[in-house]
Amino acid sequence: DKFATFFTPDATENNTPFQDMLPNYHKNLEKFQSFNYRIELIDYLLQTDTGTIRIKGEYFTRFLLHEGTWRENIGSITIDLIENGDSYLVRQLIYGQ
């Protein structure tokens, strides 16, 4: 639930409302014994008309399932951030494998 606080109420993930994705996050996190996630920044752009920052990069995940199997995912990622006080929130998240 704390993870959801990094997203705007109207945020989307691959064009699906983020709030609709939360049950999938809960279900998947229960399967993990260990989880590593990182994003390598490729480019970013400040959209001055909207105040949005668009980040483009590549993500890398590696996780250990409770059954003892390691899995990895790599893909492209685009994140749109909007200013929220002295920080930013995710408005849109687009990624692929």
PDB file of N, CA and C in Angstrom:
ATOM      1  N   ASP A   1       0.818  -1.200   0.000  1.00  0.00           N
ATOM      2  CA  ASP A   1       0.000   0.000   0.000  1.00  0.00           C
ATOM      3  C   ASP A   1       0.857   1.257   0.000  1.00  0.00           C
ATOM      4  N   LYS A   2       2.000   1.195   0.668  1.00  0.00           N
ATOM      5  CA  LYS A   2       2.891   2.352   0.703  1.00  0.00           C
ATOM      6  C   LYS A   2       3.425   2.668  -0.695  1.00  0.00           C
ATOM      7  N   PHE A   3       3.648   1.623  -1.501  1.00  0.00           N
ATOM      8  CA  PHE A   3       4.127   1.799  -2.873  1.00  0.00           C
ATOM      9  C   PHE A   3       3.169   2.675  -3.672  1.00  0.00           C
ATOM     10  N   ALA A   4       1.877   2.539  -3.446  1.00  0.00           N
ATOM     11  CA  ALA A   4       0.858   3.289  -4.185  1.00  0.00           C
ATOM     12  C   ALA A   4       0.942   4.787  -3.929  1.00  0.00           C
ATOM     13  N   THR A   5       1.555   5.209  -2.833  1.00  0.00           N
ATOM     14  CA  THR A   5       1.654   6.634  -2.520  1.00  0.00           C
ATOM     15  C   THR A   5       2.604   7.375  -3.465  1.00  0.00           C
ATOM     16  N   PHE A   6       3.363   6.641  -4.268  1.00  0.00           N
ATOM     17  CA  PHE A   6       4.265   7.257  -5.238  1.00  0.00           C
ATOM     18  C   PHE A   6       3.552   7.600  -6.541  1.00  0.00           C
ATOM     19  N   PHE A   7       2.256   7.294  -6.643  1.00  0.00           N
ATOM     20  CA  PHE A   7       1.485   7.481  -7.867  1.00  0.00           C
ATOM     21  C   PHE A   7       0.355   8.479  -7.647  1.00  0.00           C
ATOM     22  N   THR A   8       0.007   9.223  -8.701  1.00  0.00           N
ATOM     23  CA  THR A   8      -1.141  10.128  -8.628  1.00  0.00           C
ATOM     24  C   THR A   8      -2.420   9.284  -8.597  1.00  0.00           C
ATOM     25  N   PRO A   9      -3.516   9.844  -8.097  1.00  0.00           N
ATOM     26  CA  PRO A   9      -4.777   9.087  -8.074  1.00  0.00           C
ATOM     27  C   PRO A   9      -5.248   8.640  -9.461  1.00  0.00           C
ATOM     28  N   ASP A  10      -4.869   9.410 -10.512  1.00  0.00           N
ATOM     29  CA  ASP A  10      -5.295   9.066 -11.872  1.00  0.00           C
ATOM     30  C   ASP A  10      -4.184   8.395 -12.691  1.00  0.00           C
ATOM     31  N   ALA A  11      -3.150   7.892 -12.030  1.00  0.00           N
ATOM     32  CA  ALA A  11      -2.010   7.290 -12.718  1.00  0.00           C
ATOM     33  C   ALA A  11      -2.420   6.061 -13.530  1.00  0.00           C
ATOM     34  N   THR A  12      -1.654   5.833 -14.605  1.00  0.00           N
ATOM     35  CA  THR A  12      -1.881   4.648 -15.430  1.00  0.00           C
ATOM     36  C   THR A  12      -0.585   3.851 -15.570  1.00  0.00           C
ATOM     37  N   GLU A  13      -0.755   2.560 -15.752  1.00  0.00           N
ATOM     38  CA  GLU A  13       0.355   1.646 -16.007  1.00  0.00           C
ATOM     39  C   GLU A  13       0.024   0.886 -17.278  1.00  0.00           C
ATOM     40  N   ASN A  14       0.806   1.111 -18.324  1.00  0.00           N
ATOM     41  CA  ASN A  14       0.521   0.518 -19.633  1.00  0.00           C
ATOM     42  C   ASN A  14      -0.943   0.730 -20.027  1.00  0.00           C
ATOM     43  N   ASN A  15      -1.404   1.965 -19.851  1.00  0.00           N
ATOM     44  CA  ASN A  15      -2.757   2.419 -20.223  1.00  0.00           C
ATOM     45  C   ASN A  15      -3.881   1.802 -19.390  1.00  0.00           C
ATOM     46  N   THR A  16      -3.556   1.186 -18.266  1.00  0.00           N
ATOM     47  CA  THR A  16      -4.544   0.658 -17.330  1.00  0.00           C
ATOM     48  C   THR A  16      -4.465   1.503 -16.060  1.00  0.00           C
ATOM     49  N   PRO A  17      -5.607   1.887 -15.478  1.00  0.00           N
ATOM     50  CA  PRO A  17      -5.526   2.644 -14.225  1.00  0.00           C
ATOM     51  C   PRO A  17      -4.677   1.906 -13.191  1.00  0.00           C
ATOM     52  N   PHE A  18      -3.743   2.629 -12.588  1.00  0.00           N
ATOM     53  CA  PHE A  18      -2.841   2.014 -11.619  1.00  0.00           C
ATOM     54  C   PHE A  18      -3.611   1.362 -10.479  1.00  0.00           C
ATOM     55  N   GLN A  19      -4.687   1.992 -10.032  1.00  0.00           N
ATOM     56  CA  GLN A  19      -5.479   1.428  -8.937  1.00  0.00           C
ATOM     57  C   GLN A  19      -5.990   0.031  -9.283  1.00  0.00           C
ATOM     58  N   ASP A  20      -6.279  -0.217 -10.562  1.00  0.00           N
ATOM     59  CA  ASP A  20      -6.737  -1.541 -10.992  1.00  0.00           C
ATOM     60  C   ASP A  20      -5.610  -2.566 -10.960  1.00  0.00           C
ATOM     61  N   MET A  21      -4.363  -2.099 -10.978  1.00  0.00           N
ATOM     62  CA  MET A  21      -3.205  -2.988 -10.984  1.00  0.00           C
ATOM     63  C   MET A  21      -2.768  -3.407  -9.580  1.00  0.00           C
ATOM     64  N   LEU A  22      -3.222  -2.703  -8.555  1.00  0.00           N
ATOM     65  CA  LEU A  22      -2.761  -2.981  -7.189  1.00  0.00           C
ATOM     66  C   LEU A  22      -2.969  -4.432  -6.753  1.00  0.00           C
ATOM     67  N   PRO A  23      -4.111  -5.066  -7.045  1.00  0.00           N
ATOM     68  CA  PRO A  23      -4.245  -6.476  -6.653  1.00  0.00           C
ATOM     69  C   PRO A  23      -3.158  -7.366  -7.265  1.00  0.00           C
ATOM     70  N   ASN A  24      -2.732  -7.058  -8.499  1.00  0.00           N
ATOM     71  CA  ASN A  24      -1.645  -7.824  -9.128  1.00  0.00           C
ATOM     72  C   ASN A  24      -0.336  -7.630  -8.369  1.00  0.00           C
ATOM     73  N   TYR A  25      -0.059  -6.400  -7.942  1.00  0.00           N
ATOM     74  CA  TYR A  25       1.153  -6.132  -7.165  1.00  0.00           C
ATOM     75  C   TYR A  25       1.137  -6.933  -5.869  1.00  0.00           C
ATOM     76  N   HIS A  26       0.019  -6.905  -5.150  1.00  0.00           N
ATOM     77  CA  HIS A  26      -0.087  -7.644  -3.885  1.00  0.00           C
ATOM     78  C   HIS A  26       0.143  -9.135  -4.114  1.00  0.00           C
ATOM     79  N   LYS A  27      -0.492  -9.682  -5.124  1.00  0.00           N
ATOM     80  CA  LYS A  27      -0.375 -11.107  -5.428  1.00  0.00           C
ATOM     81  C   LYS A  27       1.061 -11.477  -5.783  1.00  0.00           C
ATOM     82  N   ASN A  28       1.707 -10.672  -6.628  1.00  0.00           N
ATOM     83  CA  ASN A  28       3.083 -10.967  -7.039  1.00  0.00           C
ATOM     84  C   ASN A  28       4.073 -10.830  -5.894  1.00  0.00           C
ATOM     85  N   LEU A  29       3.922  -9.807  -5.071  1.00  0.00           N
ATOM     86  CA  LEU A  29       4.868  -9.602  -3.977  1.00  0.00           C
ATOM     87  C   LEU A  29       4.827 -10.736  -2.963  1.00  0.00           C
ATOM     88  N   GLU A  30       3.687 -11.386  -2.837  1.00  0.00           N
ATOM     89  CA  GLU A  30       3.587 -12.530  -1.925  1.00  0.00           C
ATOM     90  C   GLU A  30       4.411 -13.716  -2.412  1.00  0.00           C
ATOM     91  N   LYS A  31       4.714 -13.759  -3.712  1.00  0.00           N
ATOM     92  CA  LYS A  31       5.472 -14.868  -4.294  1.00  0.00           C
ATOM     93  C   LYS A  31       6.984 -14.711  -4.121  1.00  0.00           C
ATOM     94  N   PHE A  32       7.437 -13.487  -3.823  1.00  0.00           N
ATOM     95  CA  PHE A  32       8.863 -13.191  -3.818  1.00  0.00           C
ATOM     96  C   PHE A  32       9.481 -13.395  -2.438  1.00  0.00           C
ATOM     97  N   GLN A  33      10.640 -14.029  -2.456  1.00  0.00           N
ATOM     98  CA  GLN A  33      11.460 -14.111  -1.251  1.00  0.00           C
ATOM     99  C   GLN A  33      12.442 -12.941  -1.230  1.00  0.00           C
ATOM    100  N   SER A  34      12.904 -12.568  -2.429  1.00  0.00           N
ATOM    101  CA  SER A  34      13.838 -11.455  -2.593  1.00  0.00           C
ATOM    102  C   SER A  34      13.522 -10.769  -3.918  1.00  0.00           C
ATOM    103  N   PHE A  35      13.708  -9.443  -3.970  1.00  0.00           N
ATOM    104  CA  PHE A  35      13.370  -8.698  -5.173  1.00  0.00           C
ATOM    105  C   PHE A  35      14.335  -7.533  -5.336  1.00  0.00           C
ATOM    106  N   ASN A  36      14.946  -7.433  -6.521  1.00  0.00           N
ATOM    107  CA  ASN A  36      15.823  -6.316  -6.859  1.00  0.00           C
ATOM    108  C   ASN A  36      15.275  -5.634  -8.103  1.00  0.00           C
ATOM    109  N   TYR A  37      15.282  -4.303  -8.105  1.00  0.00           N
ATOM    110  CA  TYR A  37      14.736  -3.537  -9.223  1.00  0.00           C
ATOM    111  C   TYR A  37      15.604  -2.303  -9.418  1.00  0.00           C
ATOM    112  N   ARG A  38      15.964  -2.041 -10.667  1.00  0.00           N
ATOM    113  CA  ARG A  38      16.701  -0.801 -10.949  1.00  0.00           C
ATOM    114  C   ARG A  38      16.332  -0.301 -12.328  1.00  0.00           C
ATOM    115  N   ILE A  39      16.510   0.998 -12.510  1.00  0.00           N
ATOM    116  CA  ILE A  39      16.265   1.652 -13.786  1.00  0.00           C
ATOM    117  C   ILE A  39      17.535   2.399 -14.176  1.00  0.00           C
ATOM    118  N   GLU A  40      17.985   2.163 -15.401  1.00  0.00           N
ATOM    119  CA  GLU A  40      19.102   2.925 -15.950  1.00  0.00           C
ATOM    120  C   GLU A  40      18.530   4.023 -16.832  1.00  0.00           C
ATOM    121  N   LEU A  41      18.840   5.262 -16.492  1.00  0.00           N
ATOM    122  CA  LEU A  41      18.348   6.426 -17.216  1.00  0.00           C
ATOM    123  C   LEU A  41      19.006   6.527 -18.587  1.00  0.00           C
ATOM    124  N   ILE A  42      18.179   6.672 -19.621  1.00  0.00           N
ATOM    125  CA  ILE A  42      18.679   6.883 -20.979  1.00  0.00           C
ATOM    126  C   ILE A  42      18.506   8.347 -21.372  1.00  0.00           C
ATOM    127  N   ASP A  43      17.346   8.935 -21.040  1.00  0.00           N
ATOM    128  CA  ASP A  43      17.059  10.309 -21.424  1.00  0.00           C
ATOM    129  C   ASP A  43      15.951  10.852 -20.538  1.00  0.00           C
ATOM    130  N   TYR A  44      15.855  12.157 -20.447  1.00  0.00           N
ATOM    131  CA  TYR A  44      14.735  12.785 -19.755  1.00  0.00           C
ATOM    132  C   TYR A  44      14.423  14.109 -20.425  1.00  0.00           C
ATOM    133  N   LEU A  45      13.192  14.560 -20.248  1.00  0.00           N
ATOM    134  CA  LEU A  45      12.740  15.792 -20.883  1.00  0.00           C
ATOM    135  C   LEU A  45      11.760  16.491 -19.955  1.00  0.00           C
ATOM    136  N   LEU A  46      11.985  17.766 -19.702  1.00  0.00           N
ATOM    137  CA  LEU A  46      11.038  18.579 -18.949  1.00  0.00           C
ATOM    138  C   LEU A  46      10.074  19.206 -19.931  1.00  0.00           C
ATOM    139  N   GLN A  47       8.807  18.880 -19.802  1.00  0.00           N
ATOM    140  CA  GLN A  47       7.773  19.455 -20.654  1.00  0.00           C
ATOM    141  C   GLN A  47       7.272  20.710 -19.950  1.00  0.00           C
ATOM    142  N   THR A  48       7.825  21.859 -20.340  1.00  0.00           N
ATOM    143  CA  THR A  48       7.577  23.110 -19.627  1.00  0.00           C
ATOM    144  C   THR A  48       6.111  23.525 -19.637  1.00  0.00           C
ATOM    145  N   ASP A  49       5.358  23.156 -20.671  1.00  0.00           N
ATOM    146  CA  ASP A  49       3.951  23.559 -20.726  1.00  0.00           C
ATOM    147  C   ASP A  49       3.104  22.844 -19.674  1.00  0.00           C
ATOM    148  N   THR A  50       3.482  21.625 -19.299  1.00  0.00           N
ATOM    149  CA  THR A  50       2.707  20.870 -18.313  1.00  0.00           C
ATOM    150  C   THR A  50       3.446  20.702 -16.988  1.00  0.00           C
ATOM    151  N   GLY A  51       4.752  20.961 -16.979  1.00  0.00           N
ATOM    152  CA  GLY A  51       5.548  20.738 -15.784  1.00  0.00           C
ATOM    153  C   GLY A  51       5.870  19.265 -15.563  1.00  0.00           C
ATOM    154  N   THR A  52       5.562  18.444 -16.551  1.00  0.00           N
ATOM    155  CA  THR A  52       5.813  17.011 -16.465  1.00  0.00           C
ATOM    156  C   THR A  52       7.252  16.707 -16.842  1.00  0.00           C
ATOM    157  N   ILE A  53       7.853  15.767 -16.135  1.00  0.00           N
ATOM    158  CA  ILE A  53       9.169  15.260 -16.504  1.00  0.00           C
ATOM    159  C   ILE A  53       8.965  13.867 -17.075  1.00  0.00           C
ATOM    160  N   ARG A  54       9.453  13.660 -18.293  1.00  0.00           N
ATOM    161  CA  ARG A  54       9.371  12.333 -18.917  1.00  0.00           C
ATOM    162  C   ARG A  54      10.752  11.692 -18.837  1.00  0.00           C
ATOM    163  N   ILE A  55      10.799  10.520 -18.247  1.00  0.00           N
ATOM    164  CA  ILE A  55      12.034   9.758 -18.093  1.00  0.00           C
ATOM    165  C   ILE A  55      11.955   8.536 -18.989  1.00  0.00           C
ATOM    166  N   LYS A  56      13.027   8.294 -19.740  1.00  0.00           N
ATOM    167  CA  LYS A  56      13.120   7.084 -20.557  1.00  0.00           C
ATOM    168  C   LYS A  56      14.327   6.295 -20.095  1.00  0.00           C
ATOM    169  N   GLY A  57      14.148   5.004 -19.989  1.00  0.00           N
ATOM    170  CA  GLY A  57      15.250   4.182 -19.524  1.00  0.00           C
ATOM    171  C   GLY A  57      15.036   2.721 -19.804  1.00  0.00           C
ATOM    172  N   GLU A  58      15.852   1.921 -19.146  1.00  0.00           N
ATOM    173  CA  GLU A  58      15.749   0.485 -19.229  1.00  0.00           C
ATOM    174  C   GLU A  58      15.650  -0.036 -17.799  1.00  0.00           C
ATOM    175  N   TYR A  59      14.707  -0.954 -17.576  1.00  0.00           N
ATOM    176  CA  TYR A  59      14.552  -1.506 -16.236  1.00  0.00           C
ATOM    177  C   TYR A  59      15.104  -2.926 -16.180  1.00  0.00           C
ATOM    178  N   PHE A  60      15.534  -3.297 -14.988  1.00  0.00           N
ATOM    179  CA  PHE A  60      16.080  -4.622 -14.729  1.00  0.00           C
ATOM    180  C   PHE A  60      15.470  -5.119 -13.418  1.00  0.00           C
ATOM    181  N   THR A  61      14.839  -6.273 -13.461  1.00  0.00           N
ATOM    182  CA  THR A  61      14.336  -6.890 -12.231  1.00  0.00           C
ATOM    183  C   THR A  61      14.959  -8.263 -12.082  1.00  0.00           C
ATOM    184  N   ARG A  62      15.204  -8.630 -10.854  1.00  0.00           N
ATOM    185  CA  ARG A  62      15.690  -9.969 -10.531  1.00  0.00           C
ATOM    186  C   ARG A  62      15.006 -10.343  -9.225  1.00  0.00           C
ATOM    187  N   PHE A  63      14.358 -11.503  -9.225  1.00  0.00           N
ATOM    188  CA  PHE A  63      13.641 -11.888  -8.013  1.00  0.00           C
ATOM    189  C   PHE A  63      13.746 -13.381  -7.766  1.00  0.00           C
ATOM    190  N   LEU A  64      13.711 -13.713  -6.491  1.00  0.00           N
ATOM    191  CA  LEU A  64      13.766 -15.086  -6.036  1.00  0.00           C
ATOM    192  C   LEU A  64      12.386 -15.465  -5.536  1.00  0.00           C
ATOM    193  N   LEU A  65      11.816 -16.486  -6.163  1.00  0.00           N
ATOM    194  CA  LEU A  65      10.507 -16.975  -5.730  1.00  0.00           C
ATOM    195  C   LEU A  65      10.686 -17.851  -4.496  1.00  0.00           C
ATOM    196  N   HIS A  66       9.640 -17.974  -3.691  1.00  0.00           N
ATOM    197  CA  HIS A  66       9.710 -18.789  -2.476  1.00  0.00           C
ATOM    198  C   HIS A  66      10.085 -20.233  -2.777  1.00  0.00           C
ATOM    199  N   GLU A  67       9.777 -20.714  -3.965  1.00  0.00           N
ATOM    200  CA  GLU A  67      10.118 -22.094  -4.337  1.00  0.00           C
ATOM    201  C   GLU A  67      11.590 -22.256  -4.676  1.00  0.00           C
ATOM    202  N   GLY A  68      12.353 -21.134  -4.689  1.00  0.00           N
ATOM    203  CA  GLY A  68      13.793 -21.209  -4.904  1.00  0.00           C
ATOM    204  C   GLY A  68      14.247 -20.897  -6.315  1.00  0.00           C
ATOM    205  N   THR A  69      13.367 -20.469  -7.199  1.00  0.00           N
ATOM    206  CA  THR A  69      13.702 -20.165  -8.585  1.00  0.00           C
ATOM    207  C   THR A  69      13.973 -18.672  -8.760  1.00  0.00           C
ATOM    208  N   TRP A  70      15.121 -18.347  -9.396  1.00  0.00           N
ATOM    209  CA  TRP A  70      15.436 -16.968  -9.740  1.00  0.00           C
ATOM    210  C   TRP A  70      14.838 -16.642 -11.102  1.00  0.00           C
ATOM    211  N   ARG A  71      14.292 -15.437 -11.241  1.00  0.00           N
ATOM    212  CA  ARG A  71      13.758 -14.954 -12.520  1.00  0.00           C
ATOM    213  C   ARG A  71      14.297 -13.551 -12.759  1.00  0.00           C
ATOM    214  N   GLU A  72      14.385 -13.174 -14.043  1.00  0.00           N
ATOM    215  CA  GLU A  72      14.846 -11.839 -14.422  1.00  0.00           C
ATOM    216  C   GLU A  72      13.976 -11.287 -15.540  1.00  0.00           C
ATOM    217  N   ASN A  73      13.800  -9.980 -15.554  1.00  0.00           N
ATOM    218  CA  ASN A  73      13.113  -9.272 -16.630  1.00  0.00           C
ATOM    219  C   ASN A  73      13.913  -8.030 -16.975  1.00  0.00           C
ATOM    220  N   ILE A  74      13.959  -7.715 -18.255  1.00  0.00           N
ATOM    221  CA  ILE A  74      14.627  -6.513 -18.751  1.00  0.00           C
ATOM    222  C   ILE A  74      13.718  -5.912 -19.811  1.00  0.00           C
ATOM    223  N   GLY A  75      13.620  -4.584 -19.828  1.00  0.00           N
ATOM    224  CA  GLY A  75      12.815  -3.955 -20.865  1.00  0.00           C
ATOM    225  C   GLY A  75      12.932  -2.448 -20.828  1.00  0.00           C
ATOM    226  N   SER A  76      12.274  -1.811 -21.767  1.00  0.00           N
ATOM    227  CA  SER A  76      12.261  -0.350 -21.820  1.00  0.00           C
ATOM    228  C   SER A  76      11.175   0.176 -20.881  1.00  0.00           C
ATOM    229  N   ILE A  77      11.385   1.392 -20.403  1.00  0.00           N
ATOM    230  CA  ILE A  77      10.423   2.013 -19.493  1.00  0.00           C
ATOM    231  C   ILE A  77      10.370   3.512 -19.750  1.00  0.00           C
ATOM    232  N   THR A  78       9.171   4.058 -19.701  1.00  0.00           N
ATOM    233  CA  THR A  78       8.942   5.501 -19.765  1.00  0.00           C
ATOM    234  C   THR A  78       8.083   5.868 -18.569  1.00  0.00           C
ATOM    235  N   ILE A  79       8.489   6.901 -17.857  1.00  0.00           N
ATOM    236  CA  ILE A  79       7.770   7.345 -16.663  1.00  0.00           C
ATOM    237  C   ILE A  79       7.503   8.837 -16.794  1.00  0.00           C
ATOM    238  N   ASP A  80       6.247   9.236 -16.637  1.00  0.00           N
ATOM    239  CA  ASP A  80       5.888  10.651 -16.583  1.00  0.00           C
ATOM    240  C   ASP A  80       5.671  11.025 -15.122  1.00  0.00           C
ATOM    241  N   LEU A  81       6.411  12.032 -14.678  1.00  0.00           N
ATOM    242  CA  LEU A  81       6.333  12.504 -13.293  1.00  0.00           C
ATOM    243  C   LEU A  81       5.737  13.894 -13.255  1.00  0.00           C
ATOM    244  N   ILE A  82       4.929  14.154 -12.219  1.00  0.00           N
ATOM    245  CA  ILE A  82       4.431  15.507 -12.002  1.00  0.00           C
ATOM    246  C   ILE A  82       4.865  15.973 -10.624  1.00  0.00           C
ATOM    247  N   GLU A  83       5.085  17.257 -10.532  1.00  0.00           N
ATOM    248  CA  GLU A  83       5.541  17.847  -9.281  1.00  0.00           C
ATOM    249  C   GLU A  83       4.459  17.736  -8.222  1.00  0.00           C
ATOM    250  N   ASN A  84       4.903  17.405  -7.011  1.00  0.00           N
ATOM    251  CA  ASN A  84       4.011  17.281  -5.868  1.00  0.00           C
ATOM    252  C   ASN A  84       4.743  17.832  -4.647  1.00  0.00           C
ATOM    253  N   GLY A  85       4.597  19.133  -4.423  1.00  0.00           N
ATOM    254  CA  GLY A  85       5.343  19.770  -3.338  1.00  0.00           C
ATOM    255  C   GLY A  85       6.821  19.785  -3.681  1.00  0.00           C
ATOM    256  N   ASP A  86       7.648  19.224  -2.791  1.00  0.00           N
ATOM    257  CA  ASP A  86       9.091  19.192  -3.040  1.00  0.00           C
ATOM    258  C   ASP A  86       9.539  17.849  -3.618  1.00  0.00           C
ATOM    259  N   SER A  87       8.589  17.095  -4.166  1.00  0.00           N
ATOM    260  CA  SER A  87       8.881  15.792  -4.747  1.00  0.00           C
ATOM    261  C   SER A  87       8.083  15.614  -6.040  1.00  0.00           C
ATOM    262  N   TYR A  88       8.022  14.396  -6.533  1.00  0.00           N
ATOM    263  CA  TYR A  88       7.284  14.082  -7.760  1.00  0.00           C
ATOM    264  C   TYR A  88       6.482  12.802  -7.566  1.00  0.00           C
ATOM    265  N   LEU A  89       5.400  12.699  -8.331  1.00  0.00           N
ATOM    266  CA  LEU A  89       4.576  11.491  -8.345  1.00  0.00           C
ATOM    267  C   LEU A  89       4.497  10.952  -9.764  1.00  0.00           C
ATOM    268  N   VAL A  90       4.326   9.655  -9.882  1.00  0.00           N
ATOM    269  CA  VAL A  90       4.194   9.007 -11.190  1.00  0.00           C
ATOM    270  C   VAL A  90       2.765   9.204 -11.685  1.00  0.00           C
ATOM    271  N   ARG A  91       2.642   9.756 -12.870  1.00  0.00           N
ATOM    272  CA  ARG A  91       1.338   9.908 -13.502  1.00  0.00           C
ATOM    273  C   ARG A  91       1.115   8.813 -14.547  1.00  0.00           C
ATOM    274  N   GLN A  92       2.205   8.443 -15.238  1.00  0.00           N
ATOM    275  CA  GLN A  92       2.075   7.420 -16.276  1.00  0.00           C
ATOM    276  C   GLN A  92       3.332   6.567 -16.274  1.00  0.00           C
ATOM    277  N   LEU A  93       3.123   5.263 -16.393  1.00  0.00           N
ATOM    278  CA  LEU A  93       4.208   4.291 -16.429  1.00  0.00           C
ATOM    279  C   LEU A  93       3.952   3.377 -17.627  1.00  0.00           C
ATOM    280  N   ILE A  94       4.913   3.327 -18.536  1.00  0.00           N
ATOM    281  CA  ILE A  94       4.796   2.485 -19.719  1.00  0.00           C
ATOM    282  C   ILE A  94       6.066   1.642 -19.803  1.00  0.00           C
ATOM    283  N   TYR A  95       5.892   0.342 -19.902  1.00  0.00           N
ATOM    284  CA  TYR A  95       7.049  -0.528 -19.999  1.00  0.00           C
ATOM    285  C   TYR A  95       6.733  -1.739 -20.857  1.00  0.00           C
ATOM    286  N   GLY A  96       7.783  -2.372 -21.336  1.00  0.00           N
ATOM    287  CA  GLY A  96       7.644  -3.572 -22.151  1.00  0.00           C
ATOM    288  C   GLY A  96       8.789  -4.510 -21.869  1.00  0.00           C
ATOM    289  N   GLN A  97       8.655  -5.718 -22.356  1.00  0.00           N
ATOM    290  CA  GLN A  97       9.719  -6.719 -22.135  1.00  0.00           C
ATOM    291  C   GLN A  97      10.379  -7.065 -23.440  1.00  0.00           C
TER     292      GLN A  97
END
